């Protein structure tokens, strides 16, 4: 299952054109090797689900219900999608991610496995990107002379913002590892150093801000005195309120909040239009007005600068510029699945937050990591479209965390019923105890 997770993350993060060095991928053209890998992952996930079906049913009781509702809504959107074939294809991509992540949680899971898998893969990706930048600098760097692209790296990924996003997650994973003493300091220096270097090279100001914010949150949660831990729920709520106000200011929903943006603009180096994103948001809002309740189908809008796609309007209105996404995760959801989809997203976020806060009482260190991930994604989706995107690094990581939270709650409920038969996989403490003993030496 660990190998399956690595292959899934590789399939999503490293495009085929990086390996072939043939420029950008052609819209609608899928590499046969990648197609085979995708089908193999889907088949393996189905086999694991059939094998562990009884355990899967028990686990489903604790899985975020809004996550399940969101996946179901994606499938239903094929009935009203403007591009049904595209929506079906992307649904199966989401379904494959769910199967692999769910299978990983059901077989041989232990409470530190989440960060071990994600941190090791992202570190390998960062180190590989640095080597790739030396070997093939023309492909590892963005092509363009604009302020946001000039000198920016994309490493072994499709574009710089996605590269920066992956690096930001790797940064706070290593910060969490060293604060909780899960990793040795010499490994921290290598891992954190490579991730921070890639983060700076990406020139993604949102990712830099996200990494700083999440790392600061971890410092507050893990380096505060134990007597102050009872106030941690208040601290988390304060962080959530701050991000909400910032979101409203960015989207210009409530007039008069512009003053909140000034320190952020100064810190990140963006202008008041967020590198032209406000113009993109204007066009997306116009399209949303045509189908505000259910949207126009998951993934059906951004299919490329082709005449049949409504997104081709950017070619004529933005001087041949095609952004490929809404550059705001919340607008992207409304555009695809309407305000019903937005309600599912908000419900998912609230339940994820509630489950993470509940886990604070059971496994404090692990809960802080899930909270840092949540806030990192909240920030990143203000200027990037990563909520439940089938082709971004965030989807498999957030999905694995969602199932990991469900597994932790299932374990706790099972322990409260000692008369029950043990779970069909190894106990959750067996691996962490041996790991912690090694890390402490």
Protein backbone atom coordinates (compact mmCIF):
# COMPACT_ATOMS: atom_id res chain seq x y z
CA UNK A 1 0.00 0.00 0.00
CA UNK A 2 2.92 2.33 0.63
CA UNK A 3 4.16 1.61 -2.88
CA UNK A 4 0.68 2.33 -4.25
CA UNK A 5 0.64 5.69 -2.45
CA UNK A 6 4.06 6.57 -3.86
CA UNK A 7 2.93 5.63 -7.37
CA UNK A 8 -0.27 7.65 -6.95
CA UNK A 9 1.62 10.72 -5.79
CA UNK A 10 4.13 10.32 -8.61
CA UNK A 11 1.37 9.94 -11.20
CA UNK A 12 -0.32 13.14 -9.98
CA UNK A 13 2.71 15.35 -9.41
CA UNK A 14 5.17 14.47 -12.19
CA UNK A 15 3.73 15.02 -15.70
CA UNK A 16 4.86 12.78 -18.53
CA UNK A 17 6.42 15.65 -20.47
CA UNK A 18 8.93 16.16 -17.65
CA UNK A 19 10.32 12.70 -18.27
CA UNK A 20 10.34 13.07 -22.05
CA UNK A 21 11.41 16.76 -22.07
CA UNK A 22 9.02 17.53 -24.91
CA UNK A 23 7.57 20.82 -23.80
CA UNK A 24 4.03 20.94 -22.48
CA UNK A 25 1.43 18.19 -22.55
CA UNK A 26 -1.03 18.21 -25.42
CA UNK A 27 -4.63 18.76 -24.36
CA UNK A 28 -6.57 15.49 -24.55
CA UNK A 29 -3.45 13.37 -25.10
CA UNK A 30 -2.58 10.89 -22.36
CA UNK A 31 0.74 9.10 -22.09
CA UNK A 32 0.15 5.32 -22.46
CA UNK A 33 2.45 4.52 -19.53
CA UNK A 34 0.57 6.92 -17.29
CA UNK A 35 -2.76 5.56 -18.50
CA UNK A 36 -1.63 2.04 -17.62
CA UNK A 37 -0.46 3.20 -14.20
CA UNK A 38 -3.79 4.91 -13.56
CA UNK A 39 -5.75 1.79 -14.51
CA UNK A 40 -3.48 -0.40 -12.39
CA UNK A 41 -4.00 1.84 -9.36
CA UNK A 42 -7.77 1.80 -9.92
CA UNK A 43 -7.83 -2.01 -10.21
CA UNK A 44 -5.63 -2.47 -7.13
CA UNK A 45 -7.82 -0.10 -5.14
CA UNK A 46 -10.96 -2.02 -6.09
CA UNK A 47 -9.33 -5.33 -5.08
CA UNK A 48 -8.34 -3.94 -1.68
CA UNK A 49 -11.87 -2.59 -1.17
CA UNK A 50 -13.38 -6.00 -1.96
CA UNK A 51 -10.85 -7.73 0.28
CA UNK A 52 -11.45 -5.42 3.25
CA UNK A 53 -15.11 -4.61 2.55
CA UNK A 54 -16.32 -5.31 6.11
CA UNK A 55 -13.62 -3.13 7.61
CA UNK A 56 -14.33 -0.46 4.96
CA UNK A 57 -17.96 -0.30 6.09
CA UNK A 58 -16.86 0.26 9.69
CA UNK A 59 -14.36 2.90 8.63
CA UNK A 60 -17.01 4.70 6.54
CA UNK A 61 -18.94 5.50 9.73
CA UNK A 62 -16.16 7.90 10.77
CA UNK A 63 -15.20 9.29 7.35
CA UNK A 64 -16.11 12.95 6.88
CA UNK A 65 -19.69 12.74 5.59
CA UNK A 66 -19.33 15.90 3.52
CA UNK A 67 -16.34 14.35 1.77
CA UNK A 68 -18.53 11.42 0.73
CA UNK A 69 -21.27 13.85 -0.31
CA UNK A 70 -18.80 15.83 -2.40
CA UNK A 71 -17.59 12.76 -4.29
CA UNK A 72 -21.21 11.73 -4.88
CA UNK A 73 -21.99 15.24 -6.17
CA UNK A 74 -19.10 14.98 -8.63
CA UNK A 75 -20.60 11.77 -10.01
CA UNK A 76 -24.07 13.30 -10.21
CA UNK A 77 -22.71 16.33 -12.06
CA UNK A 78 -22.13 14.11 -15.10
CA UNK A 79 -25.89 14.42 -15.73
CA UNK A 80 -25.77 18.21 -16.19
CA UNK A 81 -22.13 18.69 -17.20
CA UNK A 82 -21.39 20.69 -20.35
CA UNK A 83 -18.64 18.11 -21.04
CA UNK A 84 -19.91 14.79 -19.61
CA UNK A 85 -16.99 12.73 -20.92
CA UNK A 86 -14.47 15.02 -19.21
CA UNK A 87 -16.43 14.94 -15.95
CA UNK A 88 -16.61 11.13 -15.99
CA UNK A 89 -12.85 10.89 -16.61
CA UNK A 90 -12.05 13.23 -13.75
CA UNK A 91 -14.51 11.49 -11.45
CA UNK A 92 -12.61 8.24 -11.94
CA UNK A 93 -9.38 10.09 -11.15
CA UNK A 94 -10.93 11.24 -7.86
CA UNK A 95 -12.35 7.77 -7.22
CA UNK A 96 -8.92 6.21 -7.75
CA UNK A 97 -7.40 8.59 -5.22
CA UNK A 98 -10.09 7.66 -2.70
CA UNK A 99 -9.57 3.93 -3.24
CA UNK A 100 -5.79 4.06 -2.86
CA UNK A 101 -5.86 6.36 0.18
CA UNK A 102 -8.64 4.33 1.81
CA UNK A 103 -6.76 1.10 1.16
CA UNK A 104 -3.58 2.56 2.65
CA UNK A 105 -5.46 3.46 5.84
CA UNK A 106 -7.10 0.02 6.09
CA UNK A 107 -3.94 -2.09 5.74
CA UNK A 108 -0.99 -1.85 8.12
CA UNK A 109 -1.86 1.65 9.27
CA UNK A 110 -0.18 3.29 12.26
CA UNK A 111 -0.59 6.78 13.62
CA UNK A 112 2.60 8.27 12.11
CA UNK A 113 2.30 6.64 8.71
CA UNK A 114 0.66 9.70 7.13
CA UNK A 115 3.64 12.01 7.58
CA UNK A 116 6.18 9.27 6.89
CA UNK A 117 4.68 8.59 3.45
CA UNK A 118 4.03 12.20 2.45
CA UNK A 119 7.24 13.63 3.90
CA UNK A 120 9.48 11.01 2.31
CA UNK A 121 7.84 11.37 -1.11
CA UNK A 122 7.89 15.16 -1.13
CA UNK A 123 11.50 15.22 0.04
CA UNK A 124 12.49 12.87 -2.79
CA UNK A 125 10.55 15.12 -5.17
CA UNK A 126 12.34 18.23 -3.90
CA UNK A 127 15.80 16.66 -4.12
CA UNK A 128 14.95 15.25 -7.54
CA UNK A 129 13.78 18.68 -8.71
CA UNK A 130 17.04 20.30 -7.63
CA UNK A 131 19.00 17.67 -9.55
CA UNK A 132 16.64 18.02 -12.51
CA UNK A 133 17.24 21.79 -12.45
CA UNK A 134 20.97 21.18 -12.85
CA UNK A 135 20.60 18.53 -15.55
CA UNK A 136 17.80 20.17 -17.54
CA UNK A 137 17.56 23.84 -16.47
CA UNK A 138 15.44 24.84 -19.47
CA UNK A 139 12.71 22.39 -18.44
CA UNK A 140 12.95 22.91 -14.68
CA UNK A 141 12.36 26.66 -15.00
CA UNK A 142 9.28 28.52 -16.13
CA UNK A 143 9.26 29.99 -19.61
CA UNK A 144 8.22 33.64 -19.48
CA UNK A 145 9.41 37.11 -18.62
CA UNK A 146 6.49 38.34 -16.51
CA UNK A 147 7.03 39.33 -12.90
CA UNK A 148 5.59 36.08 -11.55
CA UNK A 149 7.43 33.79 -14.01
CA UNK A 150 10.84 35.39 -14.48
CA UNK A 151 13.46 33.20 -12.81
CA UNK A 152 10.89 30.90 -11.22
CA UNK A 153 11.38 27.14 -11.00
CA UNK A 154 8.74 24.46 -11.55
CA UNK A 155 11.11 21.57 -10.87
CA UNK A 156 9.68 18.21 -11.90
CA UNK A 157 6.12 19.50 -11.79
CA UNK A 158 3.79 21.17 -14.28
CA UNK A 159 4.13 24.77 -13.13
CA UNK A 160 5.71 26.89 -10.41
CA UNK A 161 2.70 27.37 -8.14
CA UNK A 162 2.13 23.63 -7.87
CA UNK A 163 5.86 23.19 -7.22
CA UNK A 164 5.75 25.83 -4.51
CA UNK A 165 2.67 24.23 -2.98
CA UNK A 166 4.40 20.85 -2.68
CA UNK A 167 7.49 22.52 -1.21
CA UNK A 168 5.41 24.41 1.37
CA UNK A 169 3.80 21.16 2.57
CA UNK A 170 7.23 19.54 2.82
CA UNK A 171 8.50 22.51 4.86
CA UNK A 172 5.89 22.32 7.62
CA UNK A 173 6.03 18.49 7.63
CA UNK A 174 9.72 18.72 8.50
CA UNK A 175 9.03 21.47 11.05
CA UNK A 176 6.44 19.20 12.66
CA UNK A 177 8.86 16.27 12.58
CA UNK A 178 11.62 18.11 14.41
CA UNK A 179 9.26 19.73 16.95
CA UNK A 180 7.76 16.36 17.86
CA UNK A 181 11.17 14.62 17.74
CA UNK A 182 9.94 12.16 15.14
CA UNK A 183 12.97 12.85 12.93
CA UNK A 184 16.64 13.22 13.71
CA UNK A 185 18.13 16.65 13.32
CA UNK A 186 20.55 15.68 10.55
CA UNK A 187 17.65 14.40 8.46
CA UNK A 188 15.75 17.59 9.24
CA UNK A 189 18.61 19.69 7.89
CA UNK A 190 18.61 17.79 4.60
CA UNK A 191 14.84 17.56 4.19
CA UNK A 192 13.94 21.04 5.38
CA UNK A 193 16.87 22.57 3.49
CA UNK A 194 15.87 21.03 0.15
CA UNK A 195 12.19 21.93 0.65
CA UNK A 196 12.95 25.52 1.67
CA UNK A 197 15.31 25.93 -1.28
CA UNK A 198 12.64 24.71 -3.71
CA UNK A 199 10.06 26.93 -2.05
CA UNK A 200 12.21 30.00 -2.62
CA UNK A 201 13.08 28.98 -6.16
CA UNK A 202 9.39 28.56 -7.03
CA UNK A 203 8.80 32.27 -6.35
CA UNK A 204 5.26 31.36 -5.31
CA UNK A 205 4.41 34.04 -2.75
CA UNK A 206 1.21 32.27 -1.69
CA UNK A 207 3.13 29.07 -0.95
CA UNK A 208 5.78 30.96 1.00
CA UNK A 209 3.10 32.68 3.06
CA UNK A 210 1.31 29.35 3.60
CA UNK A 211 4.50 27.64 4.79
CA UNK A 212 5.28 30.47 7.22
CA UNK A 213 1.72 30.53 8.56
CA UNK A 214 1.54 26.76 9.07
CA UNK A 215 4.98 26.60 10.67
CA UNK A 216 4.06 29.43 13.04
CA UNK A 217 0.86 27.59 13.98
CA UNK A 218 2.86 24.44 14.73
CA UNK A 219 5.25 26.43 16.92
CA UNK A 220 2.31 27.83 18.89
CA UNK A 221 0.68 24.42 19.28
CA UNK A 222 3.79 22.35 20.03
CA UNK A 223 6.10 24.74 21.86
CA UNK A 224 3.55 26.26 24.20
CA UNK A 225 3.44 25.09 27.81
CA UNK A 226 1.16 22.16 28.58
CA UNK A 227 -0.90 24.44 30.81
CA UNK A 228 -1.80 26.56 27.80
CA UNK A 229 -2.95 23.61 25.70
CA UNK A 230 -6.49 24.09 26.98
CA UNK A 231 -6.52 27.40 25.07
CA UNK A 232 -5.39 25.80 21.82
CA UNK A 233 -8.96 25.49 20.53
CA UNK A 234 -9.28 29.27 20.95
CA UNK A 235 -5.99 29.81 19.11
CA UNK A 236 -7.11 27.60 16.24
CA UNK A 237 -10.46 29.41 16.06
CA UNK A 238 -8.60 32.75 15.96
CA UNK A 239 -6.46 31.54 13.07
CA UNK A 240 -9.60 30.35 11.25
CA UNK A 241 -11.27 33.75 11.75
CA UNK A 242 -8.21 35.54 10.43
CA UNK A 243 -8.17 33.41 7.28
CA UNK A 244 -11.92 33.93 6.81
CA UNK A 245 -11.54 37.71 6.97
CA UNK A 246 -8.64 37.52 4.55
CA UNK A 247 -10.75 35.39 2.20
CA UNK A 248 -13.57 37.94 2.25
CA UNK A 249 -11.08 40.73 1.56
CA UNK A 250 -9.47 38.89 -1.37
CA UNK A 251 -12.82 38.07 -2.99
CA UNK A 252 -14.13 41.59 -2.26
CA UNK A 253 -17.33 40.17 -0.77
CA UNK A 254 -17.56 42.73 2.03
CA UNK A 255 -16.52 46.31 1.11
CA UNK A 256 -14.08 48.02 3.43
CA UNK A 257 -11.83 45.06 4.17
CA UNK A 258 -9.17 46.19 1.69
CA UNK A 259 -6.97 47.45 4.51
CA UNK A 260 -6.37 43.82 5.56
CA UNK A 261 -4.61 43.14 2.29
CA UNK A 262 -1.94 45.80 2.60
CA UNK A 263 0.37 43.97 5.03
CA UNK A 264 -0.11 40.73 3.08
CA UNK A 265 0.66 42.45 -0.23
CA UNK A 266 3.79 43.96 1.30
CA UNK A 267 4.87 40.60 2.74
CA UNK A 268 4.26 38.49 -0.36
CA UNK A 269 5.22 41.06 -2.99
CA UNK A 270 1.95 40.80 -4.91
CA UNK A 271 0.06 43.78 -6.28
CA UNK A 272 -3.55 44.61 -5.43
CA UNK A 273 -4.76 42.48 -8.36
CA UNK A 274 -2.82 39.44 -7.06
CA UNK A 275 -0.84 39.13 -10.29
CA UNK A 276 -3.91 39.61 -12.47
CA UNK A 277 -6.08 37.10 -10.63
CA UNK A 278 -8.87 39.60 -9.97
CA UNK A 279 -9.49 39.80 -13.73
CA UNK A 280 -9.81 36.01 -13.86
CA UNK A 281 -12.25 36.08 -10.95
CA UNK A 282 -14.42 38.61 -12.74
CA UNK A 283 -14.81 36.32 -15.77
CA UNK A 284 -15.50 33.29 -13.56
CA UNK A 285 -18.21 35.15 -11.64
CA UNK A 286 -19.91 35.96 -14.92
CA UNK A 287 -19.93 32.27 -15.87
CA UNK A 288 -21.17 31.25 -12.41
CA UNK A 289 -24.21 33.51 -12.85
CA UNK A 290 -25.48 31.21 -15.64
CA UNK A 291 -25.69 28.12 -13.37
CA UNK A 292 -25.26 29.26 -9.76
CA UNK A 293 -26.98 26.33 -8.02
CA UNK A 294 -25.24 23.25 -9.49
CA UNK A 295 -22.54 24.69 -11.75
CA UNK A 296 -21.63 23.36 -15.17
CA UNK A 297 -20.08 20.03 -14.17
CA UNK A 298 -16.93 18.96 -12.38
CA UNK A 299 -13.84 19.76 -14.42
CA UNK A 300 -15.92 20.66 -17.49
CA UNK A 301 -14.93 24.32 -17.76
CA UNK A 302 -11.13 24.21 -18.06
CA UNK A 303 -10.67 21.77 -20.94
CA UNK A 304 -8.26 23.93 -22.90
CA UNK A 305 -8.41 26.94 -25.25
CA UNK A 306 -10.79 25.20 -27.66
CA UNK A 307 -13.79 26.78 -29.33
CA UNK A 308 -16.41 24.54 -27.68
CA UNK A 309 -15.26 25.46 -24.16
CA UNK A 310 -16.68 28.57 -22.44
CA UNK A 311 -13.21 29.06 -20.93
CA UNK A 312 -11.96 30.04 -24.40
CA UNK A 313 -13.33 33.50 -23.63
CA UNK A 314 -10.01 34.22 -21.91
CA UNK A 315 -8.20 33.98 -25.26
CA UNK A 316 -10.19 36.89 -26.68
CA UNK A 317 -10.63 38.94 -23.52
CA UNK A 318 -7.17 38.48 -21.97
CA UNK A 319 -4.90 38.88 -25.01
CA UNK A 320 -4.40 35.16 -25.73
CA UNK A 321 -3.84 34.40 -22.06
CA UNK A 322 -5.32 31.10 -20.85
CA UNK A 323 -5.03 30.65 -17.05
CA UNK A 324 -6.07 26.90 -16.95
CA UNK A 325 -7.79 27.42 -13.56
CA UNK A 326 -9.79 29.98 -11.58
CA UNK A 327 -6.86 30.68 -9.22
CA UNK A 328 -9.25 30.50 -6.28
CA UNK A 329 -10.37 27.16 -4.89
CA UNK A 330 -13.70 28.44 -3.65
CA UNK A 331 -14.70 30.06 -6.94
CA UNK A 332 -13.55 26.93 -8.76
CA UNK A 333 -15.92 24.79 -6.71
CA UNK A 334 -18.85 27.17 -7.31
CA UNK A 335 -18.06 27.27 -11.01
CA UNK A 336 -18.03 23.46 -11.29
CA UNK A 337 -20.66 22.38 -8.75
CA UNK A 338 -22.50 25.58 -7.83
CA UNK A 339 -23.36 26.74 -4.35
CA UNK A 340 -24.41 23.18 -3.48
CA UNK A 341 -20.78 22.21 -4.02
CA UNK A 342 -19.62 25.15 -1.91
CA UNK A 343 -21.87 24.00 0.95
CA UNK A 344 -20.31 20.52 0.71
CA UNK A 345 -16.84 22.08 0.81
CA UNK A 346 -17.62 24.26 3.83
CA UNK A 347 -19.20 21.30 5.61
CA UNK A 348 -16.11 19.21 4.88
CA UNK A 349 -13.83 21.92 6.30
CA UNK A 350 -15.91 22.29 9.48
CA UNK A 351 -16.03 18.53 10.09
CA UNK A 352 -12.29 18.19 9.36
CA UNK A 353 -11.63 20.97 11.89
CA UNK A 354 -13.96 19.39 14.45
CA UNK A 355 -12.38 15.94 14.07
CA UNK A 356 -8.88 17.40 14.34
CA UNK A 357 -9.80 19.27 17.52
CA UNK A 358 -11.30 16.05 18.93
CA UNK A 359 -8.06 14.23 18.10
CA UNK A 360 -6.12 16.79 20.16
CA UNK A 361 -7.37 14.99 23.28
CA UNK A 362 -6.29 11.57 21.97
CA UNK A 363 -3.11 12.21 19.98
CA UNK A 364 -2.02 15.80 20.38
CA UNK A 365 1.00 15.74 18.09
CA UNK A 366 -0.83 14.07 15.21
CA UNK A 367 -3.80 16.42 15.50
CA UNK A 368 -1.55 19.48 15.20
CA UNK A 369 -0.23 18.19 11.88
CA UNK A 370 -3.74 17.76 10.47
CA UNK A 371 -4.61 21.27 11.64
CA UNK A 372 -1.50 22.71 9.99
CA UNK A 373 -2.43 20.95 6.74
CA UNK A 374 -5.97 22.33 6.91
CA UNK A 375 -4.83 25.91 7.37
CA UNK A 376 -2.16 25.57 4.69
CA UNK A 377 -4.86 24.52 2.22
CA UNK A 378 -7.20 27.29 3.36
CA UNK A 379 -4.51 29.82 2.55
CA UNK A 380 -3.32 28.23 -0.68
CA UNK A 381 -6.83 28.09 -2.13
CA UNK A 382 -7.23 31.83 -1.85
CA UNK A 383 -5.12 32.26 -4.99
CA UNK A 384 -4.91 28.68 -6.36
CA UNK A 385 -7.56 26.09 -7.24
CA UNK A 386 -6.66 22.99 -5.26
CA UNK A 387 -9.81 22.00 -3.37
CA UNK A 388 -10.69 18.52 -4.62
CA UNK A 389 -8.80 18.99 -7.87
CA UNK A 390 -8.09 15.72 -9.66
CA UNK A 391 -4.67 16.82 -10.91
CA UNK A 392 -3.11 18.57 -7.91
CA UNK A 393 -0.87 17.41 -5.07
CA UNK A 394 -3.40 18.58 -2.47
CA UNK A 395 -6.14 16.06 -3.31
CA UNK A 396 -4.29 12.81 -2.39
CA UNK A 397 -2.70 14.39 0.69
CA UNK A 398 -5.96 15.84 2.03
CA UNK A 399 -7.78 12.60 1.19
CA UNK A 400 -5.18 10.52 3.05
CA UNK A 401 -5.50 12.88 6.03
CA UNK A 402 -9.30 12.59 5.90
CA UNK A 403 -9.15 8.80 6.02
CA UNK A 404 -6.37 8.96 8.62
CA UNK A 405 -8.62 11.01 10.91
CA UNK A 406 -11.43 8.50 10.41
CA UNK A 407 -9.08 5.61 11.27
CA UNK A 408 -7.94 7.36 14.47
CA UNK A 409 -11.54 7.90 15.59
CA UNK A 410 -12.40 4.29 14.72
CA UNK A 411 -9.47 3.06 16.80
CA UNK A 412 -10.62 5.15 19.75
CA UNK A 413 -14.19 3.86 19.51
CA UNK A 414 -12.91 0.27 19.23
CA UNK A 415 -10.76 0.63 22.33
CA UNK A 416 -13.76 1.82 24.30
CA UNK A 417 -15.43 -1.52 23.50
CA UNK A 418 -12.93 -4.15 24.76
CA UNK A 419 -15.42 -6.98 24.24
CA UNK A 420 -15.21 -6.53 20.47
CA UNK A 421 -13.01 -8.62 18.16
CA UNK A 422 -9.70 -6.85 17.36
CA UNK A 423 -9.36 -4.86 14.17
CA UNK A 424 -8.25 -6.84 11.09
CA UNK A 425 -4.94 -4.97 10.86
CA UNK A 426 -2.00 -4.52 13.22
CA UNK A 427 -2.52 -2.39 16.36
CA UNK A 428 -2.01 1.30 15.85
CA UNK A 429 0.70 1.65 18.53
CA UNK A 430 3.01 -1.16 17.42
CA UNK A 431 5.02 0.77 14.82
CA UNK A 432 5.10 4.21 16.52
CA UNK A 433 6.58 2.82 19.73
CA UNK A 434 9.51 1.29 17.90
CA UNK A 435 9.92 4.42 15.82
CA UNK A 436 9.83 6.75 18.78
CA UNK A 437 12.39 4.62 20.59
CA UNK A 438 14.72 4.84 17.62
CA UNK A 439 14.24 8.59 17.22
CA UNK A 440 14.93 9.21 20.89
CA UNK A 441 18.34 7.55 20.76
